[in-house]
Amino acid sequence: MDNASLVRLFNDIPDRLSIAVLVPCYNEAATIANVVTDFQKFLPSAVIYVYDNNSHDGTSEVARASGAVVRYESLRGKGNVVRRMFADIEADVYVLVDGDATYDAASAPKMVCKLLEDGLDMLTSNRISIDQKAYRPGHRFGNKLLTKLVSTVFGTQIVDMLSGYRVFSRRYVKSFPATAKGFETETELTVHALELRMRIAELEAPYFPRPDGSESKLSTYRDGLRILWMIGRLIREERPLQFFASVALMLLLPGVMLGSSILIEFVETGLVPRLPTAVLSTGLVLLSFLSLYSGIVLNSVSVSRREARRLAYLQLKGPILANIYRKPKNRIRINSRPKLAEIAAGTHSHVLET
């Protein structure tokens, strides 16, 4: 199905589906007008919200003139803006995209359709770039490294964890306990979905270089370290047994190495010639067992917290289009649940119930 068909599809159901496009911005006056007009074109029924994060280049004025609803968040950092947007906006489907015009607005209808058809809670854009300027090798390598770390720890294969272009269901947004302050919010968004075992997917979409006059706010090393710190914190909170067992192992190994020779000497001579080393070895071994015990206790707490979050998530309304496919009252039975693509093309069929 082409983009024109998708646009017509969304025009047909504005009363059943409310879409909010959320655009966090800091000094994006050079690009925000293009972002707003592009999403108005491909998602005509959506409301475009631009959240200005203390810009001083006239971003809010440009966005307002382009037809966006402009709001403000004074706390600096993308994570703070995402927290405010998720708390303020009411919608059935949320599209989160950066205001730098690097993401493809034409992919938005496909992403929203896939979210609804497959009953997903989060769909992430897997960035595909041809121009090296769009996705620098250092950023690409860092993304792959951090994504692989999260995939390994949380047991789900992810391709592009740090993408800033995502589509969410309402129950995802309203169950998300945002704590990140900056660019590490993408990591938190991913781990939240993985921990609650939500249905998620990725969809390839073009990724473009920044237009002339637009500057990146991402610091390769500083933000990379902050993302790594966030991953460590999330592992500690969500996988405490793994985290503290690793700490216990790091304490136990040197403790055993230092203490083994002293133990051998004690067995042979009955003496402890290196008392400070013996004390250090004993302390390391005791700390390792204490760390392991802490991990066991905190793991029980983590399981309880996860169950509470899961119950809160399940209490929220599911995808809005699920109701469209229920059996109509006029006794027309659907052979099989039609895909939105079939509806748009007019190829789906039904038979009368006998």
Protein backbone atom coordinates (compact mmCIF):
# COMPACT_ATOMS: atom_id res chain seq x y z
CA MET A 1 0.00 0.00 0.00
CA ASP A 2 1.40 3.39 -0.97
CA ASN A 3 1.54 6.47 1.23
CA ALA A 4 -1.40 8.13 -0.56
CA SER A 5 -3.64 5.17 0.32
CA LEU A 6 -2.51 5.35 3.91
CA VAL A 7 -3.30 9.05 4.11
CA ARG A 8 -6.81 8.38 2.74
CA LEU A 9 -7.23 5.63 5.31
CA PHE A 10 -6.54 7.97 8.20
CA ASN A 11 -8.86 10.59 6.73
CA ASP A 12 -11.66 8.01 6.87
CA ILE A 13 -11.39 7.34 10.61
CA PRO A 14 -10.58 10.61 12.40
CA ASP A 15 -13.42 10.13 14.89
CA ARG A 16 -12.18 6.70 15.91
CA LEU A 17 -8.49 7.40 16.19
CA SER A 18 -6.72 10.36 17.74
CA ILE A 19 -3.04 10.68 16.86
CA ALA A 20 -0.59 12.98 18.59
CA VAL A 21 2.79 13.77 17.05
CA LEU A 22 5.19 14.78 19.83
CA VAL A 23 8.24 16.82 18.84
CA PRO A 24 10.77 17.77 21.55
CA CYS A 25 12.87 20.73 20.40
CA TYR A 26 15.87 22.76 21.46
CA ASN A 27 17.07 25.40 18.99
CA GLU A 28 15.55 23.78 15.88
CA ALA A 29 14.26 26.92 14.13
CA ALA A 30 16.04 25.88 10.92
CA THR A 31 14.16 22.57 10.64
CA ILE A 32 10.99 22.60 12.72
CA ALA A 33 8.79 24.12 9.99
CA ASN A 34 9.63 21.26 7.62
CA VAL A 35 8.97 18.68 10.34
CA VAL A 36 5.55 20.14 11.17
CA THR A 37 4.40 20.51 7.55
CA ASP A 38 5.63 17.03 6.59
CA PHE A 39 3.69 15.34 9.39
CA GLN A 40 0.62 17.44 8.62
CA LYS A 41 0.86 16.12 5.07
CA PHE A 42 1.23 12.42 5.90
CA LEU A 43 -0.91 12.34 9.06
CA PRO A 44 -3.60 14.96 8.30
CA SER A 45 -5.81 14.04 11.26
CA ALA A 46 -2.96 14.19 13.78
CA VAL A 47 -2.30 17.04 16.18
CA ILE A 48 1.33 18.19 16.11
CA TYR A 49 2.70 19.17 19.52
CA VAL A 50 6.05 20.97 19.67
CA TYR A 51 7.62 21.21 23.12
CA ASP A 52 10.19 24.00 23.30
CA ASN A 53 12.98 23.18 25.75
CA ASN A 54 14.34 26.72 26.41
CA SER A 55 15.22 27.50 22.80
CA HIS A 56 16.66 30.94 22.09
CA ASP A 57 16.50 30.93 18.27
CA GLY A 58 12.75 31.41 17.78
CA THR A 59 11.85 27.72 17.47
CA SER A 60 8.47 28.16 19.16
CA GLU A 61 7.47 31.06 16.89
CA VAL A 62 8.35 29.12 13.74
CA ALA A 63 6.50 26.02 14.96
CA ARG A 64 3.39 28.02 15.85
CA ALA A 65 3.39 29.76 12.48
CA SER A 66 3.55 26.33 10.81
CA GLY A 67 0.40 25.17 12.57
CA ALA A 68 1.76 23.22 15.54
CA VAL A 69 0.50 23.41 19.11
CA VAL A 70 3.45 24.85 21.04
CA ARG A 71 4.13 24.13 24.70
CA TYR A 72 7.12 24.64 26.94
CA GLU A 73 9.29 22.62 29.32
CA SER A 74 11.81 24.59 31.38
CA LEU A 75 13.83 21.62 32.67
CA ARG A 76 16.63 21.05 30.18
CA GLY A 77 17.05 17.62 28.65
CA LYS A 78 15.12 15.40 26.25
CA GLY A 79 14.10 13.02 29.02
CA ASN A 80 12.45 15.85 30.94
CA VAL A 81 10.55 16.90 27.82
CA VAL A 82 9.36 13.35 27.10
CA ARG A 83 8.12 13.03 30.69
CA ARG A 84 6.11 16.25 30.35
CA MET A 85 4.68 15.30 26.93
CA PHE A 86 3.56 11.86 28.06
CA ALA A 87 1.89 13.36 31.14
CA ASP A 88 0.12 16.20 29.32
CA ILE A 89 -1.12 14.73 26.03
CA GLU A 90 -4.19 12.51 25.67
CA ALA A 91 -4.41 10.42 22.49
CA ASP A 92 -4.89 6.89 21.19
CA VAL A 93 -1.60 6.75 19.28
CA TYR A 94 1.55 8.75 19.96
CA VAL A 95 4.28 9.46 17.43
CA LEU A 96 7.55 10.64 18.99
CA VAL A 97 10.05 12.24 16.61
CA ASP A 98 12.98 14.63 16.87
CA GLY A 99 12.65 18.12 15.46
CA ASP A 100 15.83 18.02 13.37
CA ALA A 101 14.25 16.80 10.10
CA THR A 102 16.43 13.67 9.99
CA TYR A 103 13.50 11.23 10.22
CA ASP A 104 11.12 10.34 7.39
CA ALA A 105 7.59 11.66 7.93
CA ALA A 106 6.38 9.58 4.96
CA SER A 107 7.01 6.44 7.04
CA ALA A 108 4.62 7.57 9.79
CA PRO A 109 1.41 6.12 8.27
CA LYS A 110 3.08 2.74 7.80
CA MET A 111 4.35 2.79 11.36
CA VAL A 112 0.95 3.69 12.81
CA CYS A 113 -0.78 1.03 10.68
CA LYS A 114 1.65 -1.66 11.79
CA LEU A 115 1.22 -0.67 15.44
CA LEU A 116 -2.55 -1.03 15.15
CA GLU A 117 -2.70 -4.09 12.90
CA ASP A 118 -0.26 -6.09 15.00
CA GLY A 119 -1.54 -4.86 18.37
CA LEU A 120 1.84 -3.43 19.32
CA ASP A 121 2.63 -1.12 22.20
CA MET A 122 5.81 0.31 20.70
CA LEU A 123 7.19 0.44 17.18
CA THR A 124 10.70 1.79 16.65
CA SER A 125 12.16 3.15 13.43
CA ASN A 126 15.27 1.22 12.45
CA ARG A 127 17.38 3.93 10.82
CA ILE A 128 18.64 3.22 7.30
CA SER A 129 21.05 5.86 6.00
CA ILE A 130 22.96 6.07 2.72
CA ASP A 131 24.77 9.33 3.44
CA GLN A 132 27.62 8.88 5.94
CA LYS A 133 26.95 12.39 7.24
CA ALA A 134 23.56 11.29 8.50
CA TYR A 135 24.84 8.53 10.74
CA ARG A 136 28.48 8.94 11.70
CA PRO A 137 30.56 5.75 12.13
CA GLY A 138 31.27 6.56 15.78
CA HIS A 139 27.59 6.95 16.58
CA ARG A 140 26.74 3.81 14.60
CA PHE A 141 29.35 1.76 16.48
CA GLY A 142 28.25 3.12 19.86
CA ASN A 143 24.61 2.38 19.08
CA LYS A 144 25.40 -1.21 18.07
CA LEU A 145 27.53 -1.76 21.18
CA LEU A 146 24.94 -0.38 23.61
CA THR A 147 22.07 -2.09 21.80
CA LYS A 148 23.88 -5.43 21.95
CA LEU A 149 24.47 -4.97 25.68
CA VAL A 150 20.78 -4.36 26.36
CA SER A 151 19.73 -7.22 24.05
CA THR A 152 22.05 -9.62 25.88
CA VAL A 153 20.98 -8.61 29.38
CA PHE A 154 17.23 -8.42 28.75
CA GLY A 155 17.05 -11.33 26.30
CA THR A 156 15.40 -9.67 23.29
CA GLN A 157 17.01 -8.95 19.93
CA ILE A 158 16.92 -5.23 19.12
CA VAL A 159 18.50 -3.50 16.13
CA ASP A 160 18.29 0.25 16.87
CA MET A 161 17.71 0.98 20.55
CA LEU A 162 18.68 4.66 20.33
CA SER A 163 16.34 5.68 17.52
CA GLY A 164 14.40 8.87 18.26
CA TYR A 165 11.46 7.97 15.98
CA ARG A 166 8.86 5.77 17.66
CA VAL A 167 5.13 5.10 17.76
CA PHE A 168 3.38 4.15 21.02
CA SER A 169 0.02 2.92 22.20
CA ARG A 170 -1.82 4.87 24.87
CA ARG A 171 -1.28 2.21 27.50
CA TYR A 172 2.46 2.30 26.93
CA VAL A 173 2.63 6.08 27.34
CA LYS A 174 0.46 6.21 30.43
CA SER A 175 2.32 3.37 32.15
CA PHE A 176 5.82 4.73 31.44
CA PRO A 177 7.56 5.96 34.64
CA ALA A 178 10.01 8.36 32.99
CA THR A 179 13.07 9.08 35.11
CA ALA A 180 15.75 9.92 32.52
CA LYS A 181 16.78 13.53 32.05
CA GLY A 182 18.62 13.58 28.72
CA PHE A 183 19.27 11.50 25.62
CA GLU A 184 19.36 8.32 27.70
CA THR A 185 15.55 8.38 27.61
CA GLU A 186 15.58 6.13 24.50
CA THR A 187 17.26 3.41 26.56
CA GLU A 188 14.63 3.76 29.27
CA LEU A 189 11.83 3.60 26.69
CA THR A 190 13.19 0.32 25.33
CA VAL A 191 13.84 -1.34 28.68
CA HIS A 192 10.37 -0.43 29.97
CA ALA A 193 8.80 -2.31 27.07
CA LEU A 194 11.12 -5.29 27.49
CA GLU A 195 10.54 -5.59 31.23
CA LEU A 196 6.76 -5.56 30.93
CA ARG A 197 6.96 -7.98 27.98
CA MET A 198 5.00 -5.66 25.73
CA ARG A 199 4.56 -6.39 22.06
CA ILE A 200 7.17 -4.36 20.21
CA ALA A 201 8.65 -4.30 16.72
CA GLU A 202 10.99 -2.35 14.49
CA LEU A 203 10.41 -1.00 10.99
CA GLU A 204 13.12 0.21 8.62
CA ALA A 205 12.85 3.87 7.62
CA PRO A 206 15.19 6.34 5.90
CA TYR A 207 17.47 8.51 8.00
CA PHE A 208 18.68 11.80 6.55
CA PRO A 209 21.58 14.14 7.35
CA ARG A 210 20.80 17.35 9.18
CA PRO A 211 19.98 20.27 6.85
CA ASP A 212 22.39 23.17 6.62
CA GLY A 213 22.13 25.49 9.59
CA SER A 214 21.06 22.74 11.99
CA GLU A 215 23.48 21.56 14.67
CA SER A 216 23.42 18.30 16.61
CA LYS A 217 22.89 18.54 20.37
CA LEU A 218 24.32 15.05 20.95
CA SER A 219 27.77 14.80 22.54
CA THR A 220 29.35 11.51 21.47
CA TYR A 221 31.35 10.83 24.63
CA ARG A 222 29.36 12.65 27.30
CA ASP A 223 25.97 11.33 26.20
CA GLY A 224 27.47 7.91 25.43
CA LEU A 225 28.67 7.66 29.04
CA ARG A 226 25.29 8.84 30.31
CA ILE A 227 23.56 6.15 28.26
CA LEU A 228 25.99 3.53 29.57
CA TRP A 229 25.34 4.74 33.12
CA MET A 230 21.59 4.49 32.51
CA ILE A 231 21.98 0.91 31.24
CA GLY A 232 23.94 0.02 34.39
CA ARG A 233 21.30 1.61 36.58
CA LEU A 234 18.48 -0.21 34.78
CA ILE A 235 20.30 -3.53 35.10
CA ARG A 236 20.73 -2.89 38.83
CA GLU A 237 17.04 -2.04 39.24
CA GLU A 238 15.48 -4.57 36.86
CA ARG A 239 18.03 -7.41 37.06
CA PRO A 240 19.46 -7.03 40.59
CA LEU A 241 20.43 -10.69 40.93
CA GLN A 242 22.56 -10.55 37.78
CA PHE A 243 24.05 -7.21 38.78
CA PHE A 244 25.00 -8.11 42.35
CA ALA A 245 26.06 -11.63 41.39
CA SER A 246 28.55 -10.04 38.99
CA VAL A 247 29.81 -7.78 41.78
CA ALA A 248 30.05 -10.80 44.08
CA LEU A 249 32.13 -12.68 41.51
CA MET A 250 34.50 -9.72 41.09
CA LEU A 251 35.00 -9.63 44.87
CA LEU A 252 35.26 -13.39 45.32
CA LEU A 253 37.96 -14.05 42.73
CA PRO A 254 40.67 -11.77 44.22
CA GLY A 255 39.64 -12.85 47.71
CA VAL A 256 40.19 -16.51 46.85
CA MET A 257 43.43 -15.77 45.01
CA LEU A 258 44.85 -13.85 47.96
CA GLY A 259 43.58 -16.28 50.57
CA SER A 260 44.54 -19.57 48.93
CA SER A 261 48.29 -19.20 49.52
CA ILE A 262 47.71 -18.07 53.10
CA LEU A 263 45.43 -21.05 53.72
CA ILE A 264 48.06 -23.44 52.34
CA GLU A 265 50.72 -21.93 54.63
CA PHE A 266 48.40 -22.19 57.60
CA VAL A 267 47.70 -25.88 56.92
CA GLU A 268 51.41 -26.62 56.55
CA THR A 269 52.81 -24.53 59.43
CA GLY A 270 49.86 -23.56 61.62
CA LEU A 271 50.89 -19.90 61.26
CA VAL A 272 49.44 -16.88 59.47
CA PRO A 273 52.54 -14.93 58.43
CA ARG A 274 50.73 -12.26 56.37
CA LEU A 275 47.93 -11.07 58.62
CA PRO A 276 46.91 -7.95 56.60
CA THR A 277 46.55 -10.06 53.45
CA ALA A 278 44.49 -12.59 55.38
CA VAL A 279 42.20 -9.85 56.67
CA LEU A 280 41.81 -8.40 53.17
CA SER A 281 41.06 -11.81 51.69
CA THR A 282 38.48 -12.59 54.36
CA GLY A 283 36.84 -9.20 53.89
CA LEU A 284 36.56 -9.64 50.12
CA VAL A 285 34.99 -13.08 50.48
CA LEU A 286 32.50 -11.82 53.08
CA LEU A 287 31.60 -8.85 50.90
CA SER A 288 31.03 -11.16 47.94
CA PHE A 289 28.54 -13.25 49.91
CA LEU A 290 26.87 -10.09 51.21
CA SER A 291 26.55 -8.80 47.64
CA LEU A 292 25.01 -12.08 46.47
CA TYR A 293 22.54 -12.06 49.36
CA SER A 294 21.59 -8.46 48.55
CA GLY A 295 20.95 -9.48 44.95
CA ILE A 296 18.65 -12.30 46.03
CA VAL A 297 16.62 -10.01 48.30
CA LEU A 298 16.42 -7.17 45.79
CA ASN A 299 15.42 -9.59 43.04
CA SER A 300 12.30 -10.49 45.03
CA VAL A 301 11.52 -6.78 45.42
CA SER A 302 12.10 -6.22 41.69
CA VAL A 303 9.71 -9.03 40.76
CA SER A 304 7.00 -7.49 42.95
CA ARG A 305 7.55 -4.04 41.43
CA ARG A 306 7.42 -5.50 37.93
CA GLU A 307 4.15 -7.28 38.67
CA ALA A 308 2.64 -4.06 40.03
CA ARG A 309 3.69 -2.15 36.90
CA ARG A 310 2.31 -4.91 34.71
CA LEU A 311 -1.06 -4.79 36.46
CA ALA A 312 -1.17 -1.00 36.09
CA TYR A 313 -0.36 -1.39 32.40
CA LEU A 314 -3.10 -3.99 31.86
CA GLN A 315 -5.72 -1.73 33.44
CA LEU A 316 -5.29 0.80 30.63
CA LYS A 317 -7.27 0.64 27.40
CA GLY A 318 -5.75 -1.35 24.56
CA PRO A 319 -5.41 -0.35 20.88
CA ILE A 320 -8.41 1.70 19.73
CA LEU A 321 -8.90 -0.13 16.41
CA ALA A 322 -9.46 -3.47 18.14
CA ASN A 323 -13.16 -2.52 18.43
CA ILE A 324 -13.57 -1.99 14.68
CA TYR A 325 -13.23 -5.71 13.98
CA ARG A 326 -15.85 -6.96 16.41
CA LYS A 327 -18.84 -8.77 14.97
CA PRO A 328 -21.39 -6.16 13.72
CA LYS A 329 -24.95 -6.18 15.01
CA ASN A 330 -26.45 -6.59 11.50
CA ARG A 331 -25.38 -10.25 11.48
CA ILE A 332 -22.60 -9.80 8.95
CA ARG A 333 -19.78 -12.13 9.79
CA ILE A 334 -16.22 -11.36 8.80
CA ASN A 335 -14.44 -14.31 7.19
CA SER A 336 -11.18 -13.21 8.77
CA ARG A 337 -10.05 -10.01 10.38
CA PRO A 338 -9.12 -7.74 7.46
CA LYS A 339 -5.82 -5.98 7.29
CA LEU A 340 -5.90 -2.19 7.08
CA ALA A 341 -4.12 -2.54 3.75
CA GLU A 342 -7.08 -4.56 2.43
CA ILE A 343 -9.54 -1.97 3.71
CA ALA A 344 -7.64 0.80 1.94
CA ALA A 345 -7.49 -1.19 -1.30
CA GLY A 346 -11.14 -2.29 -1.06
CA THR A 347 -10.22 -5.97 -1.47
CA HIS A 348 -11.52 -7.39 1.85
CA SER A 349 -14.68 -9.51 1.74
CA HIS A 350 -17.45 -10.66 4.04
CA VAL A 351 -20.33 -13.15 3.93
CA LEU A 352 -23.75 -13.16 5.57
CA GLU A 353 -24.08 -15.34 8.64
CA THR A 354 -26.34 -18.33 8.15
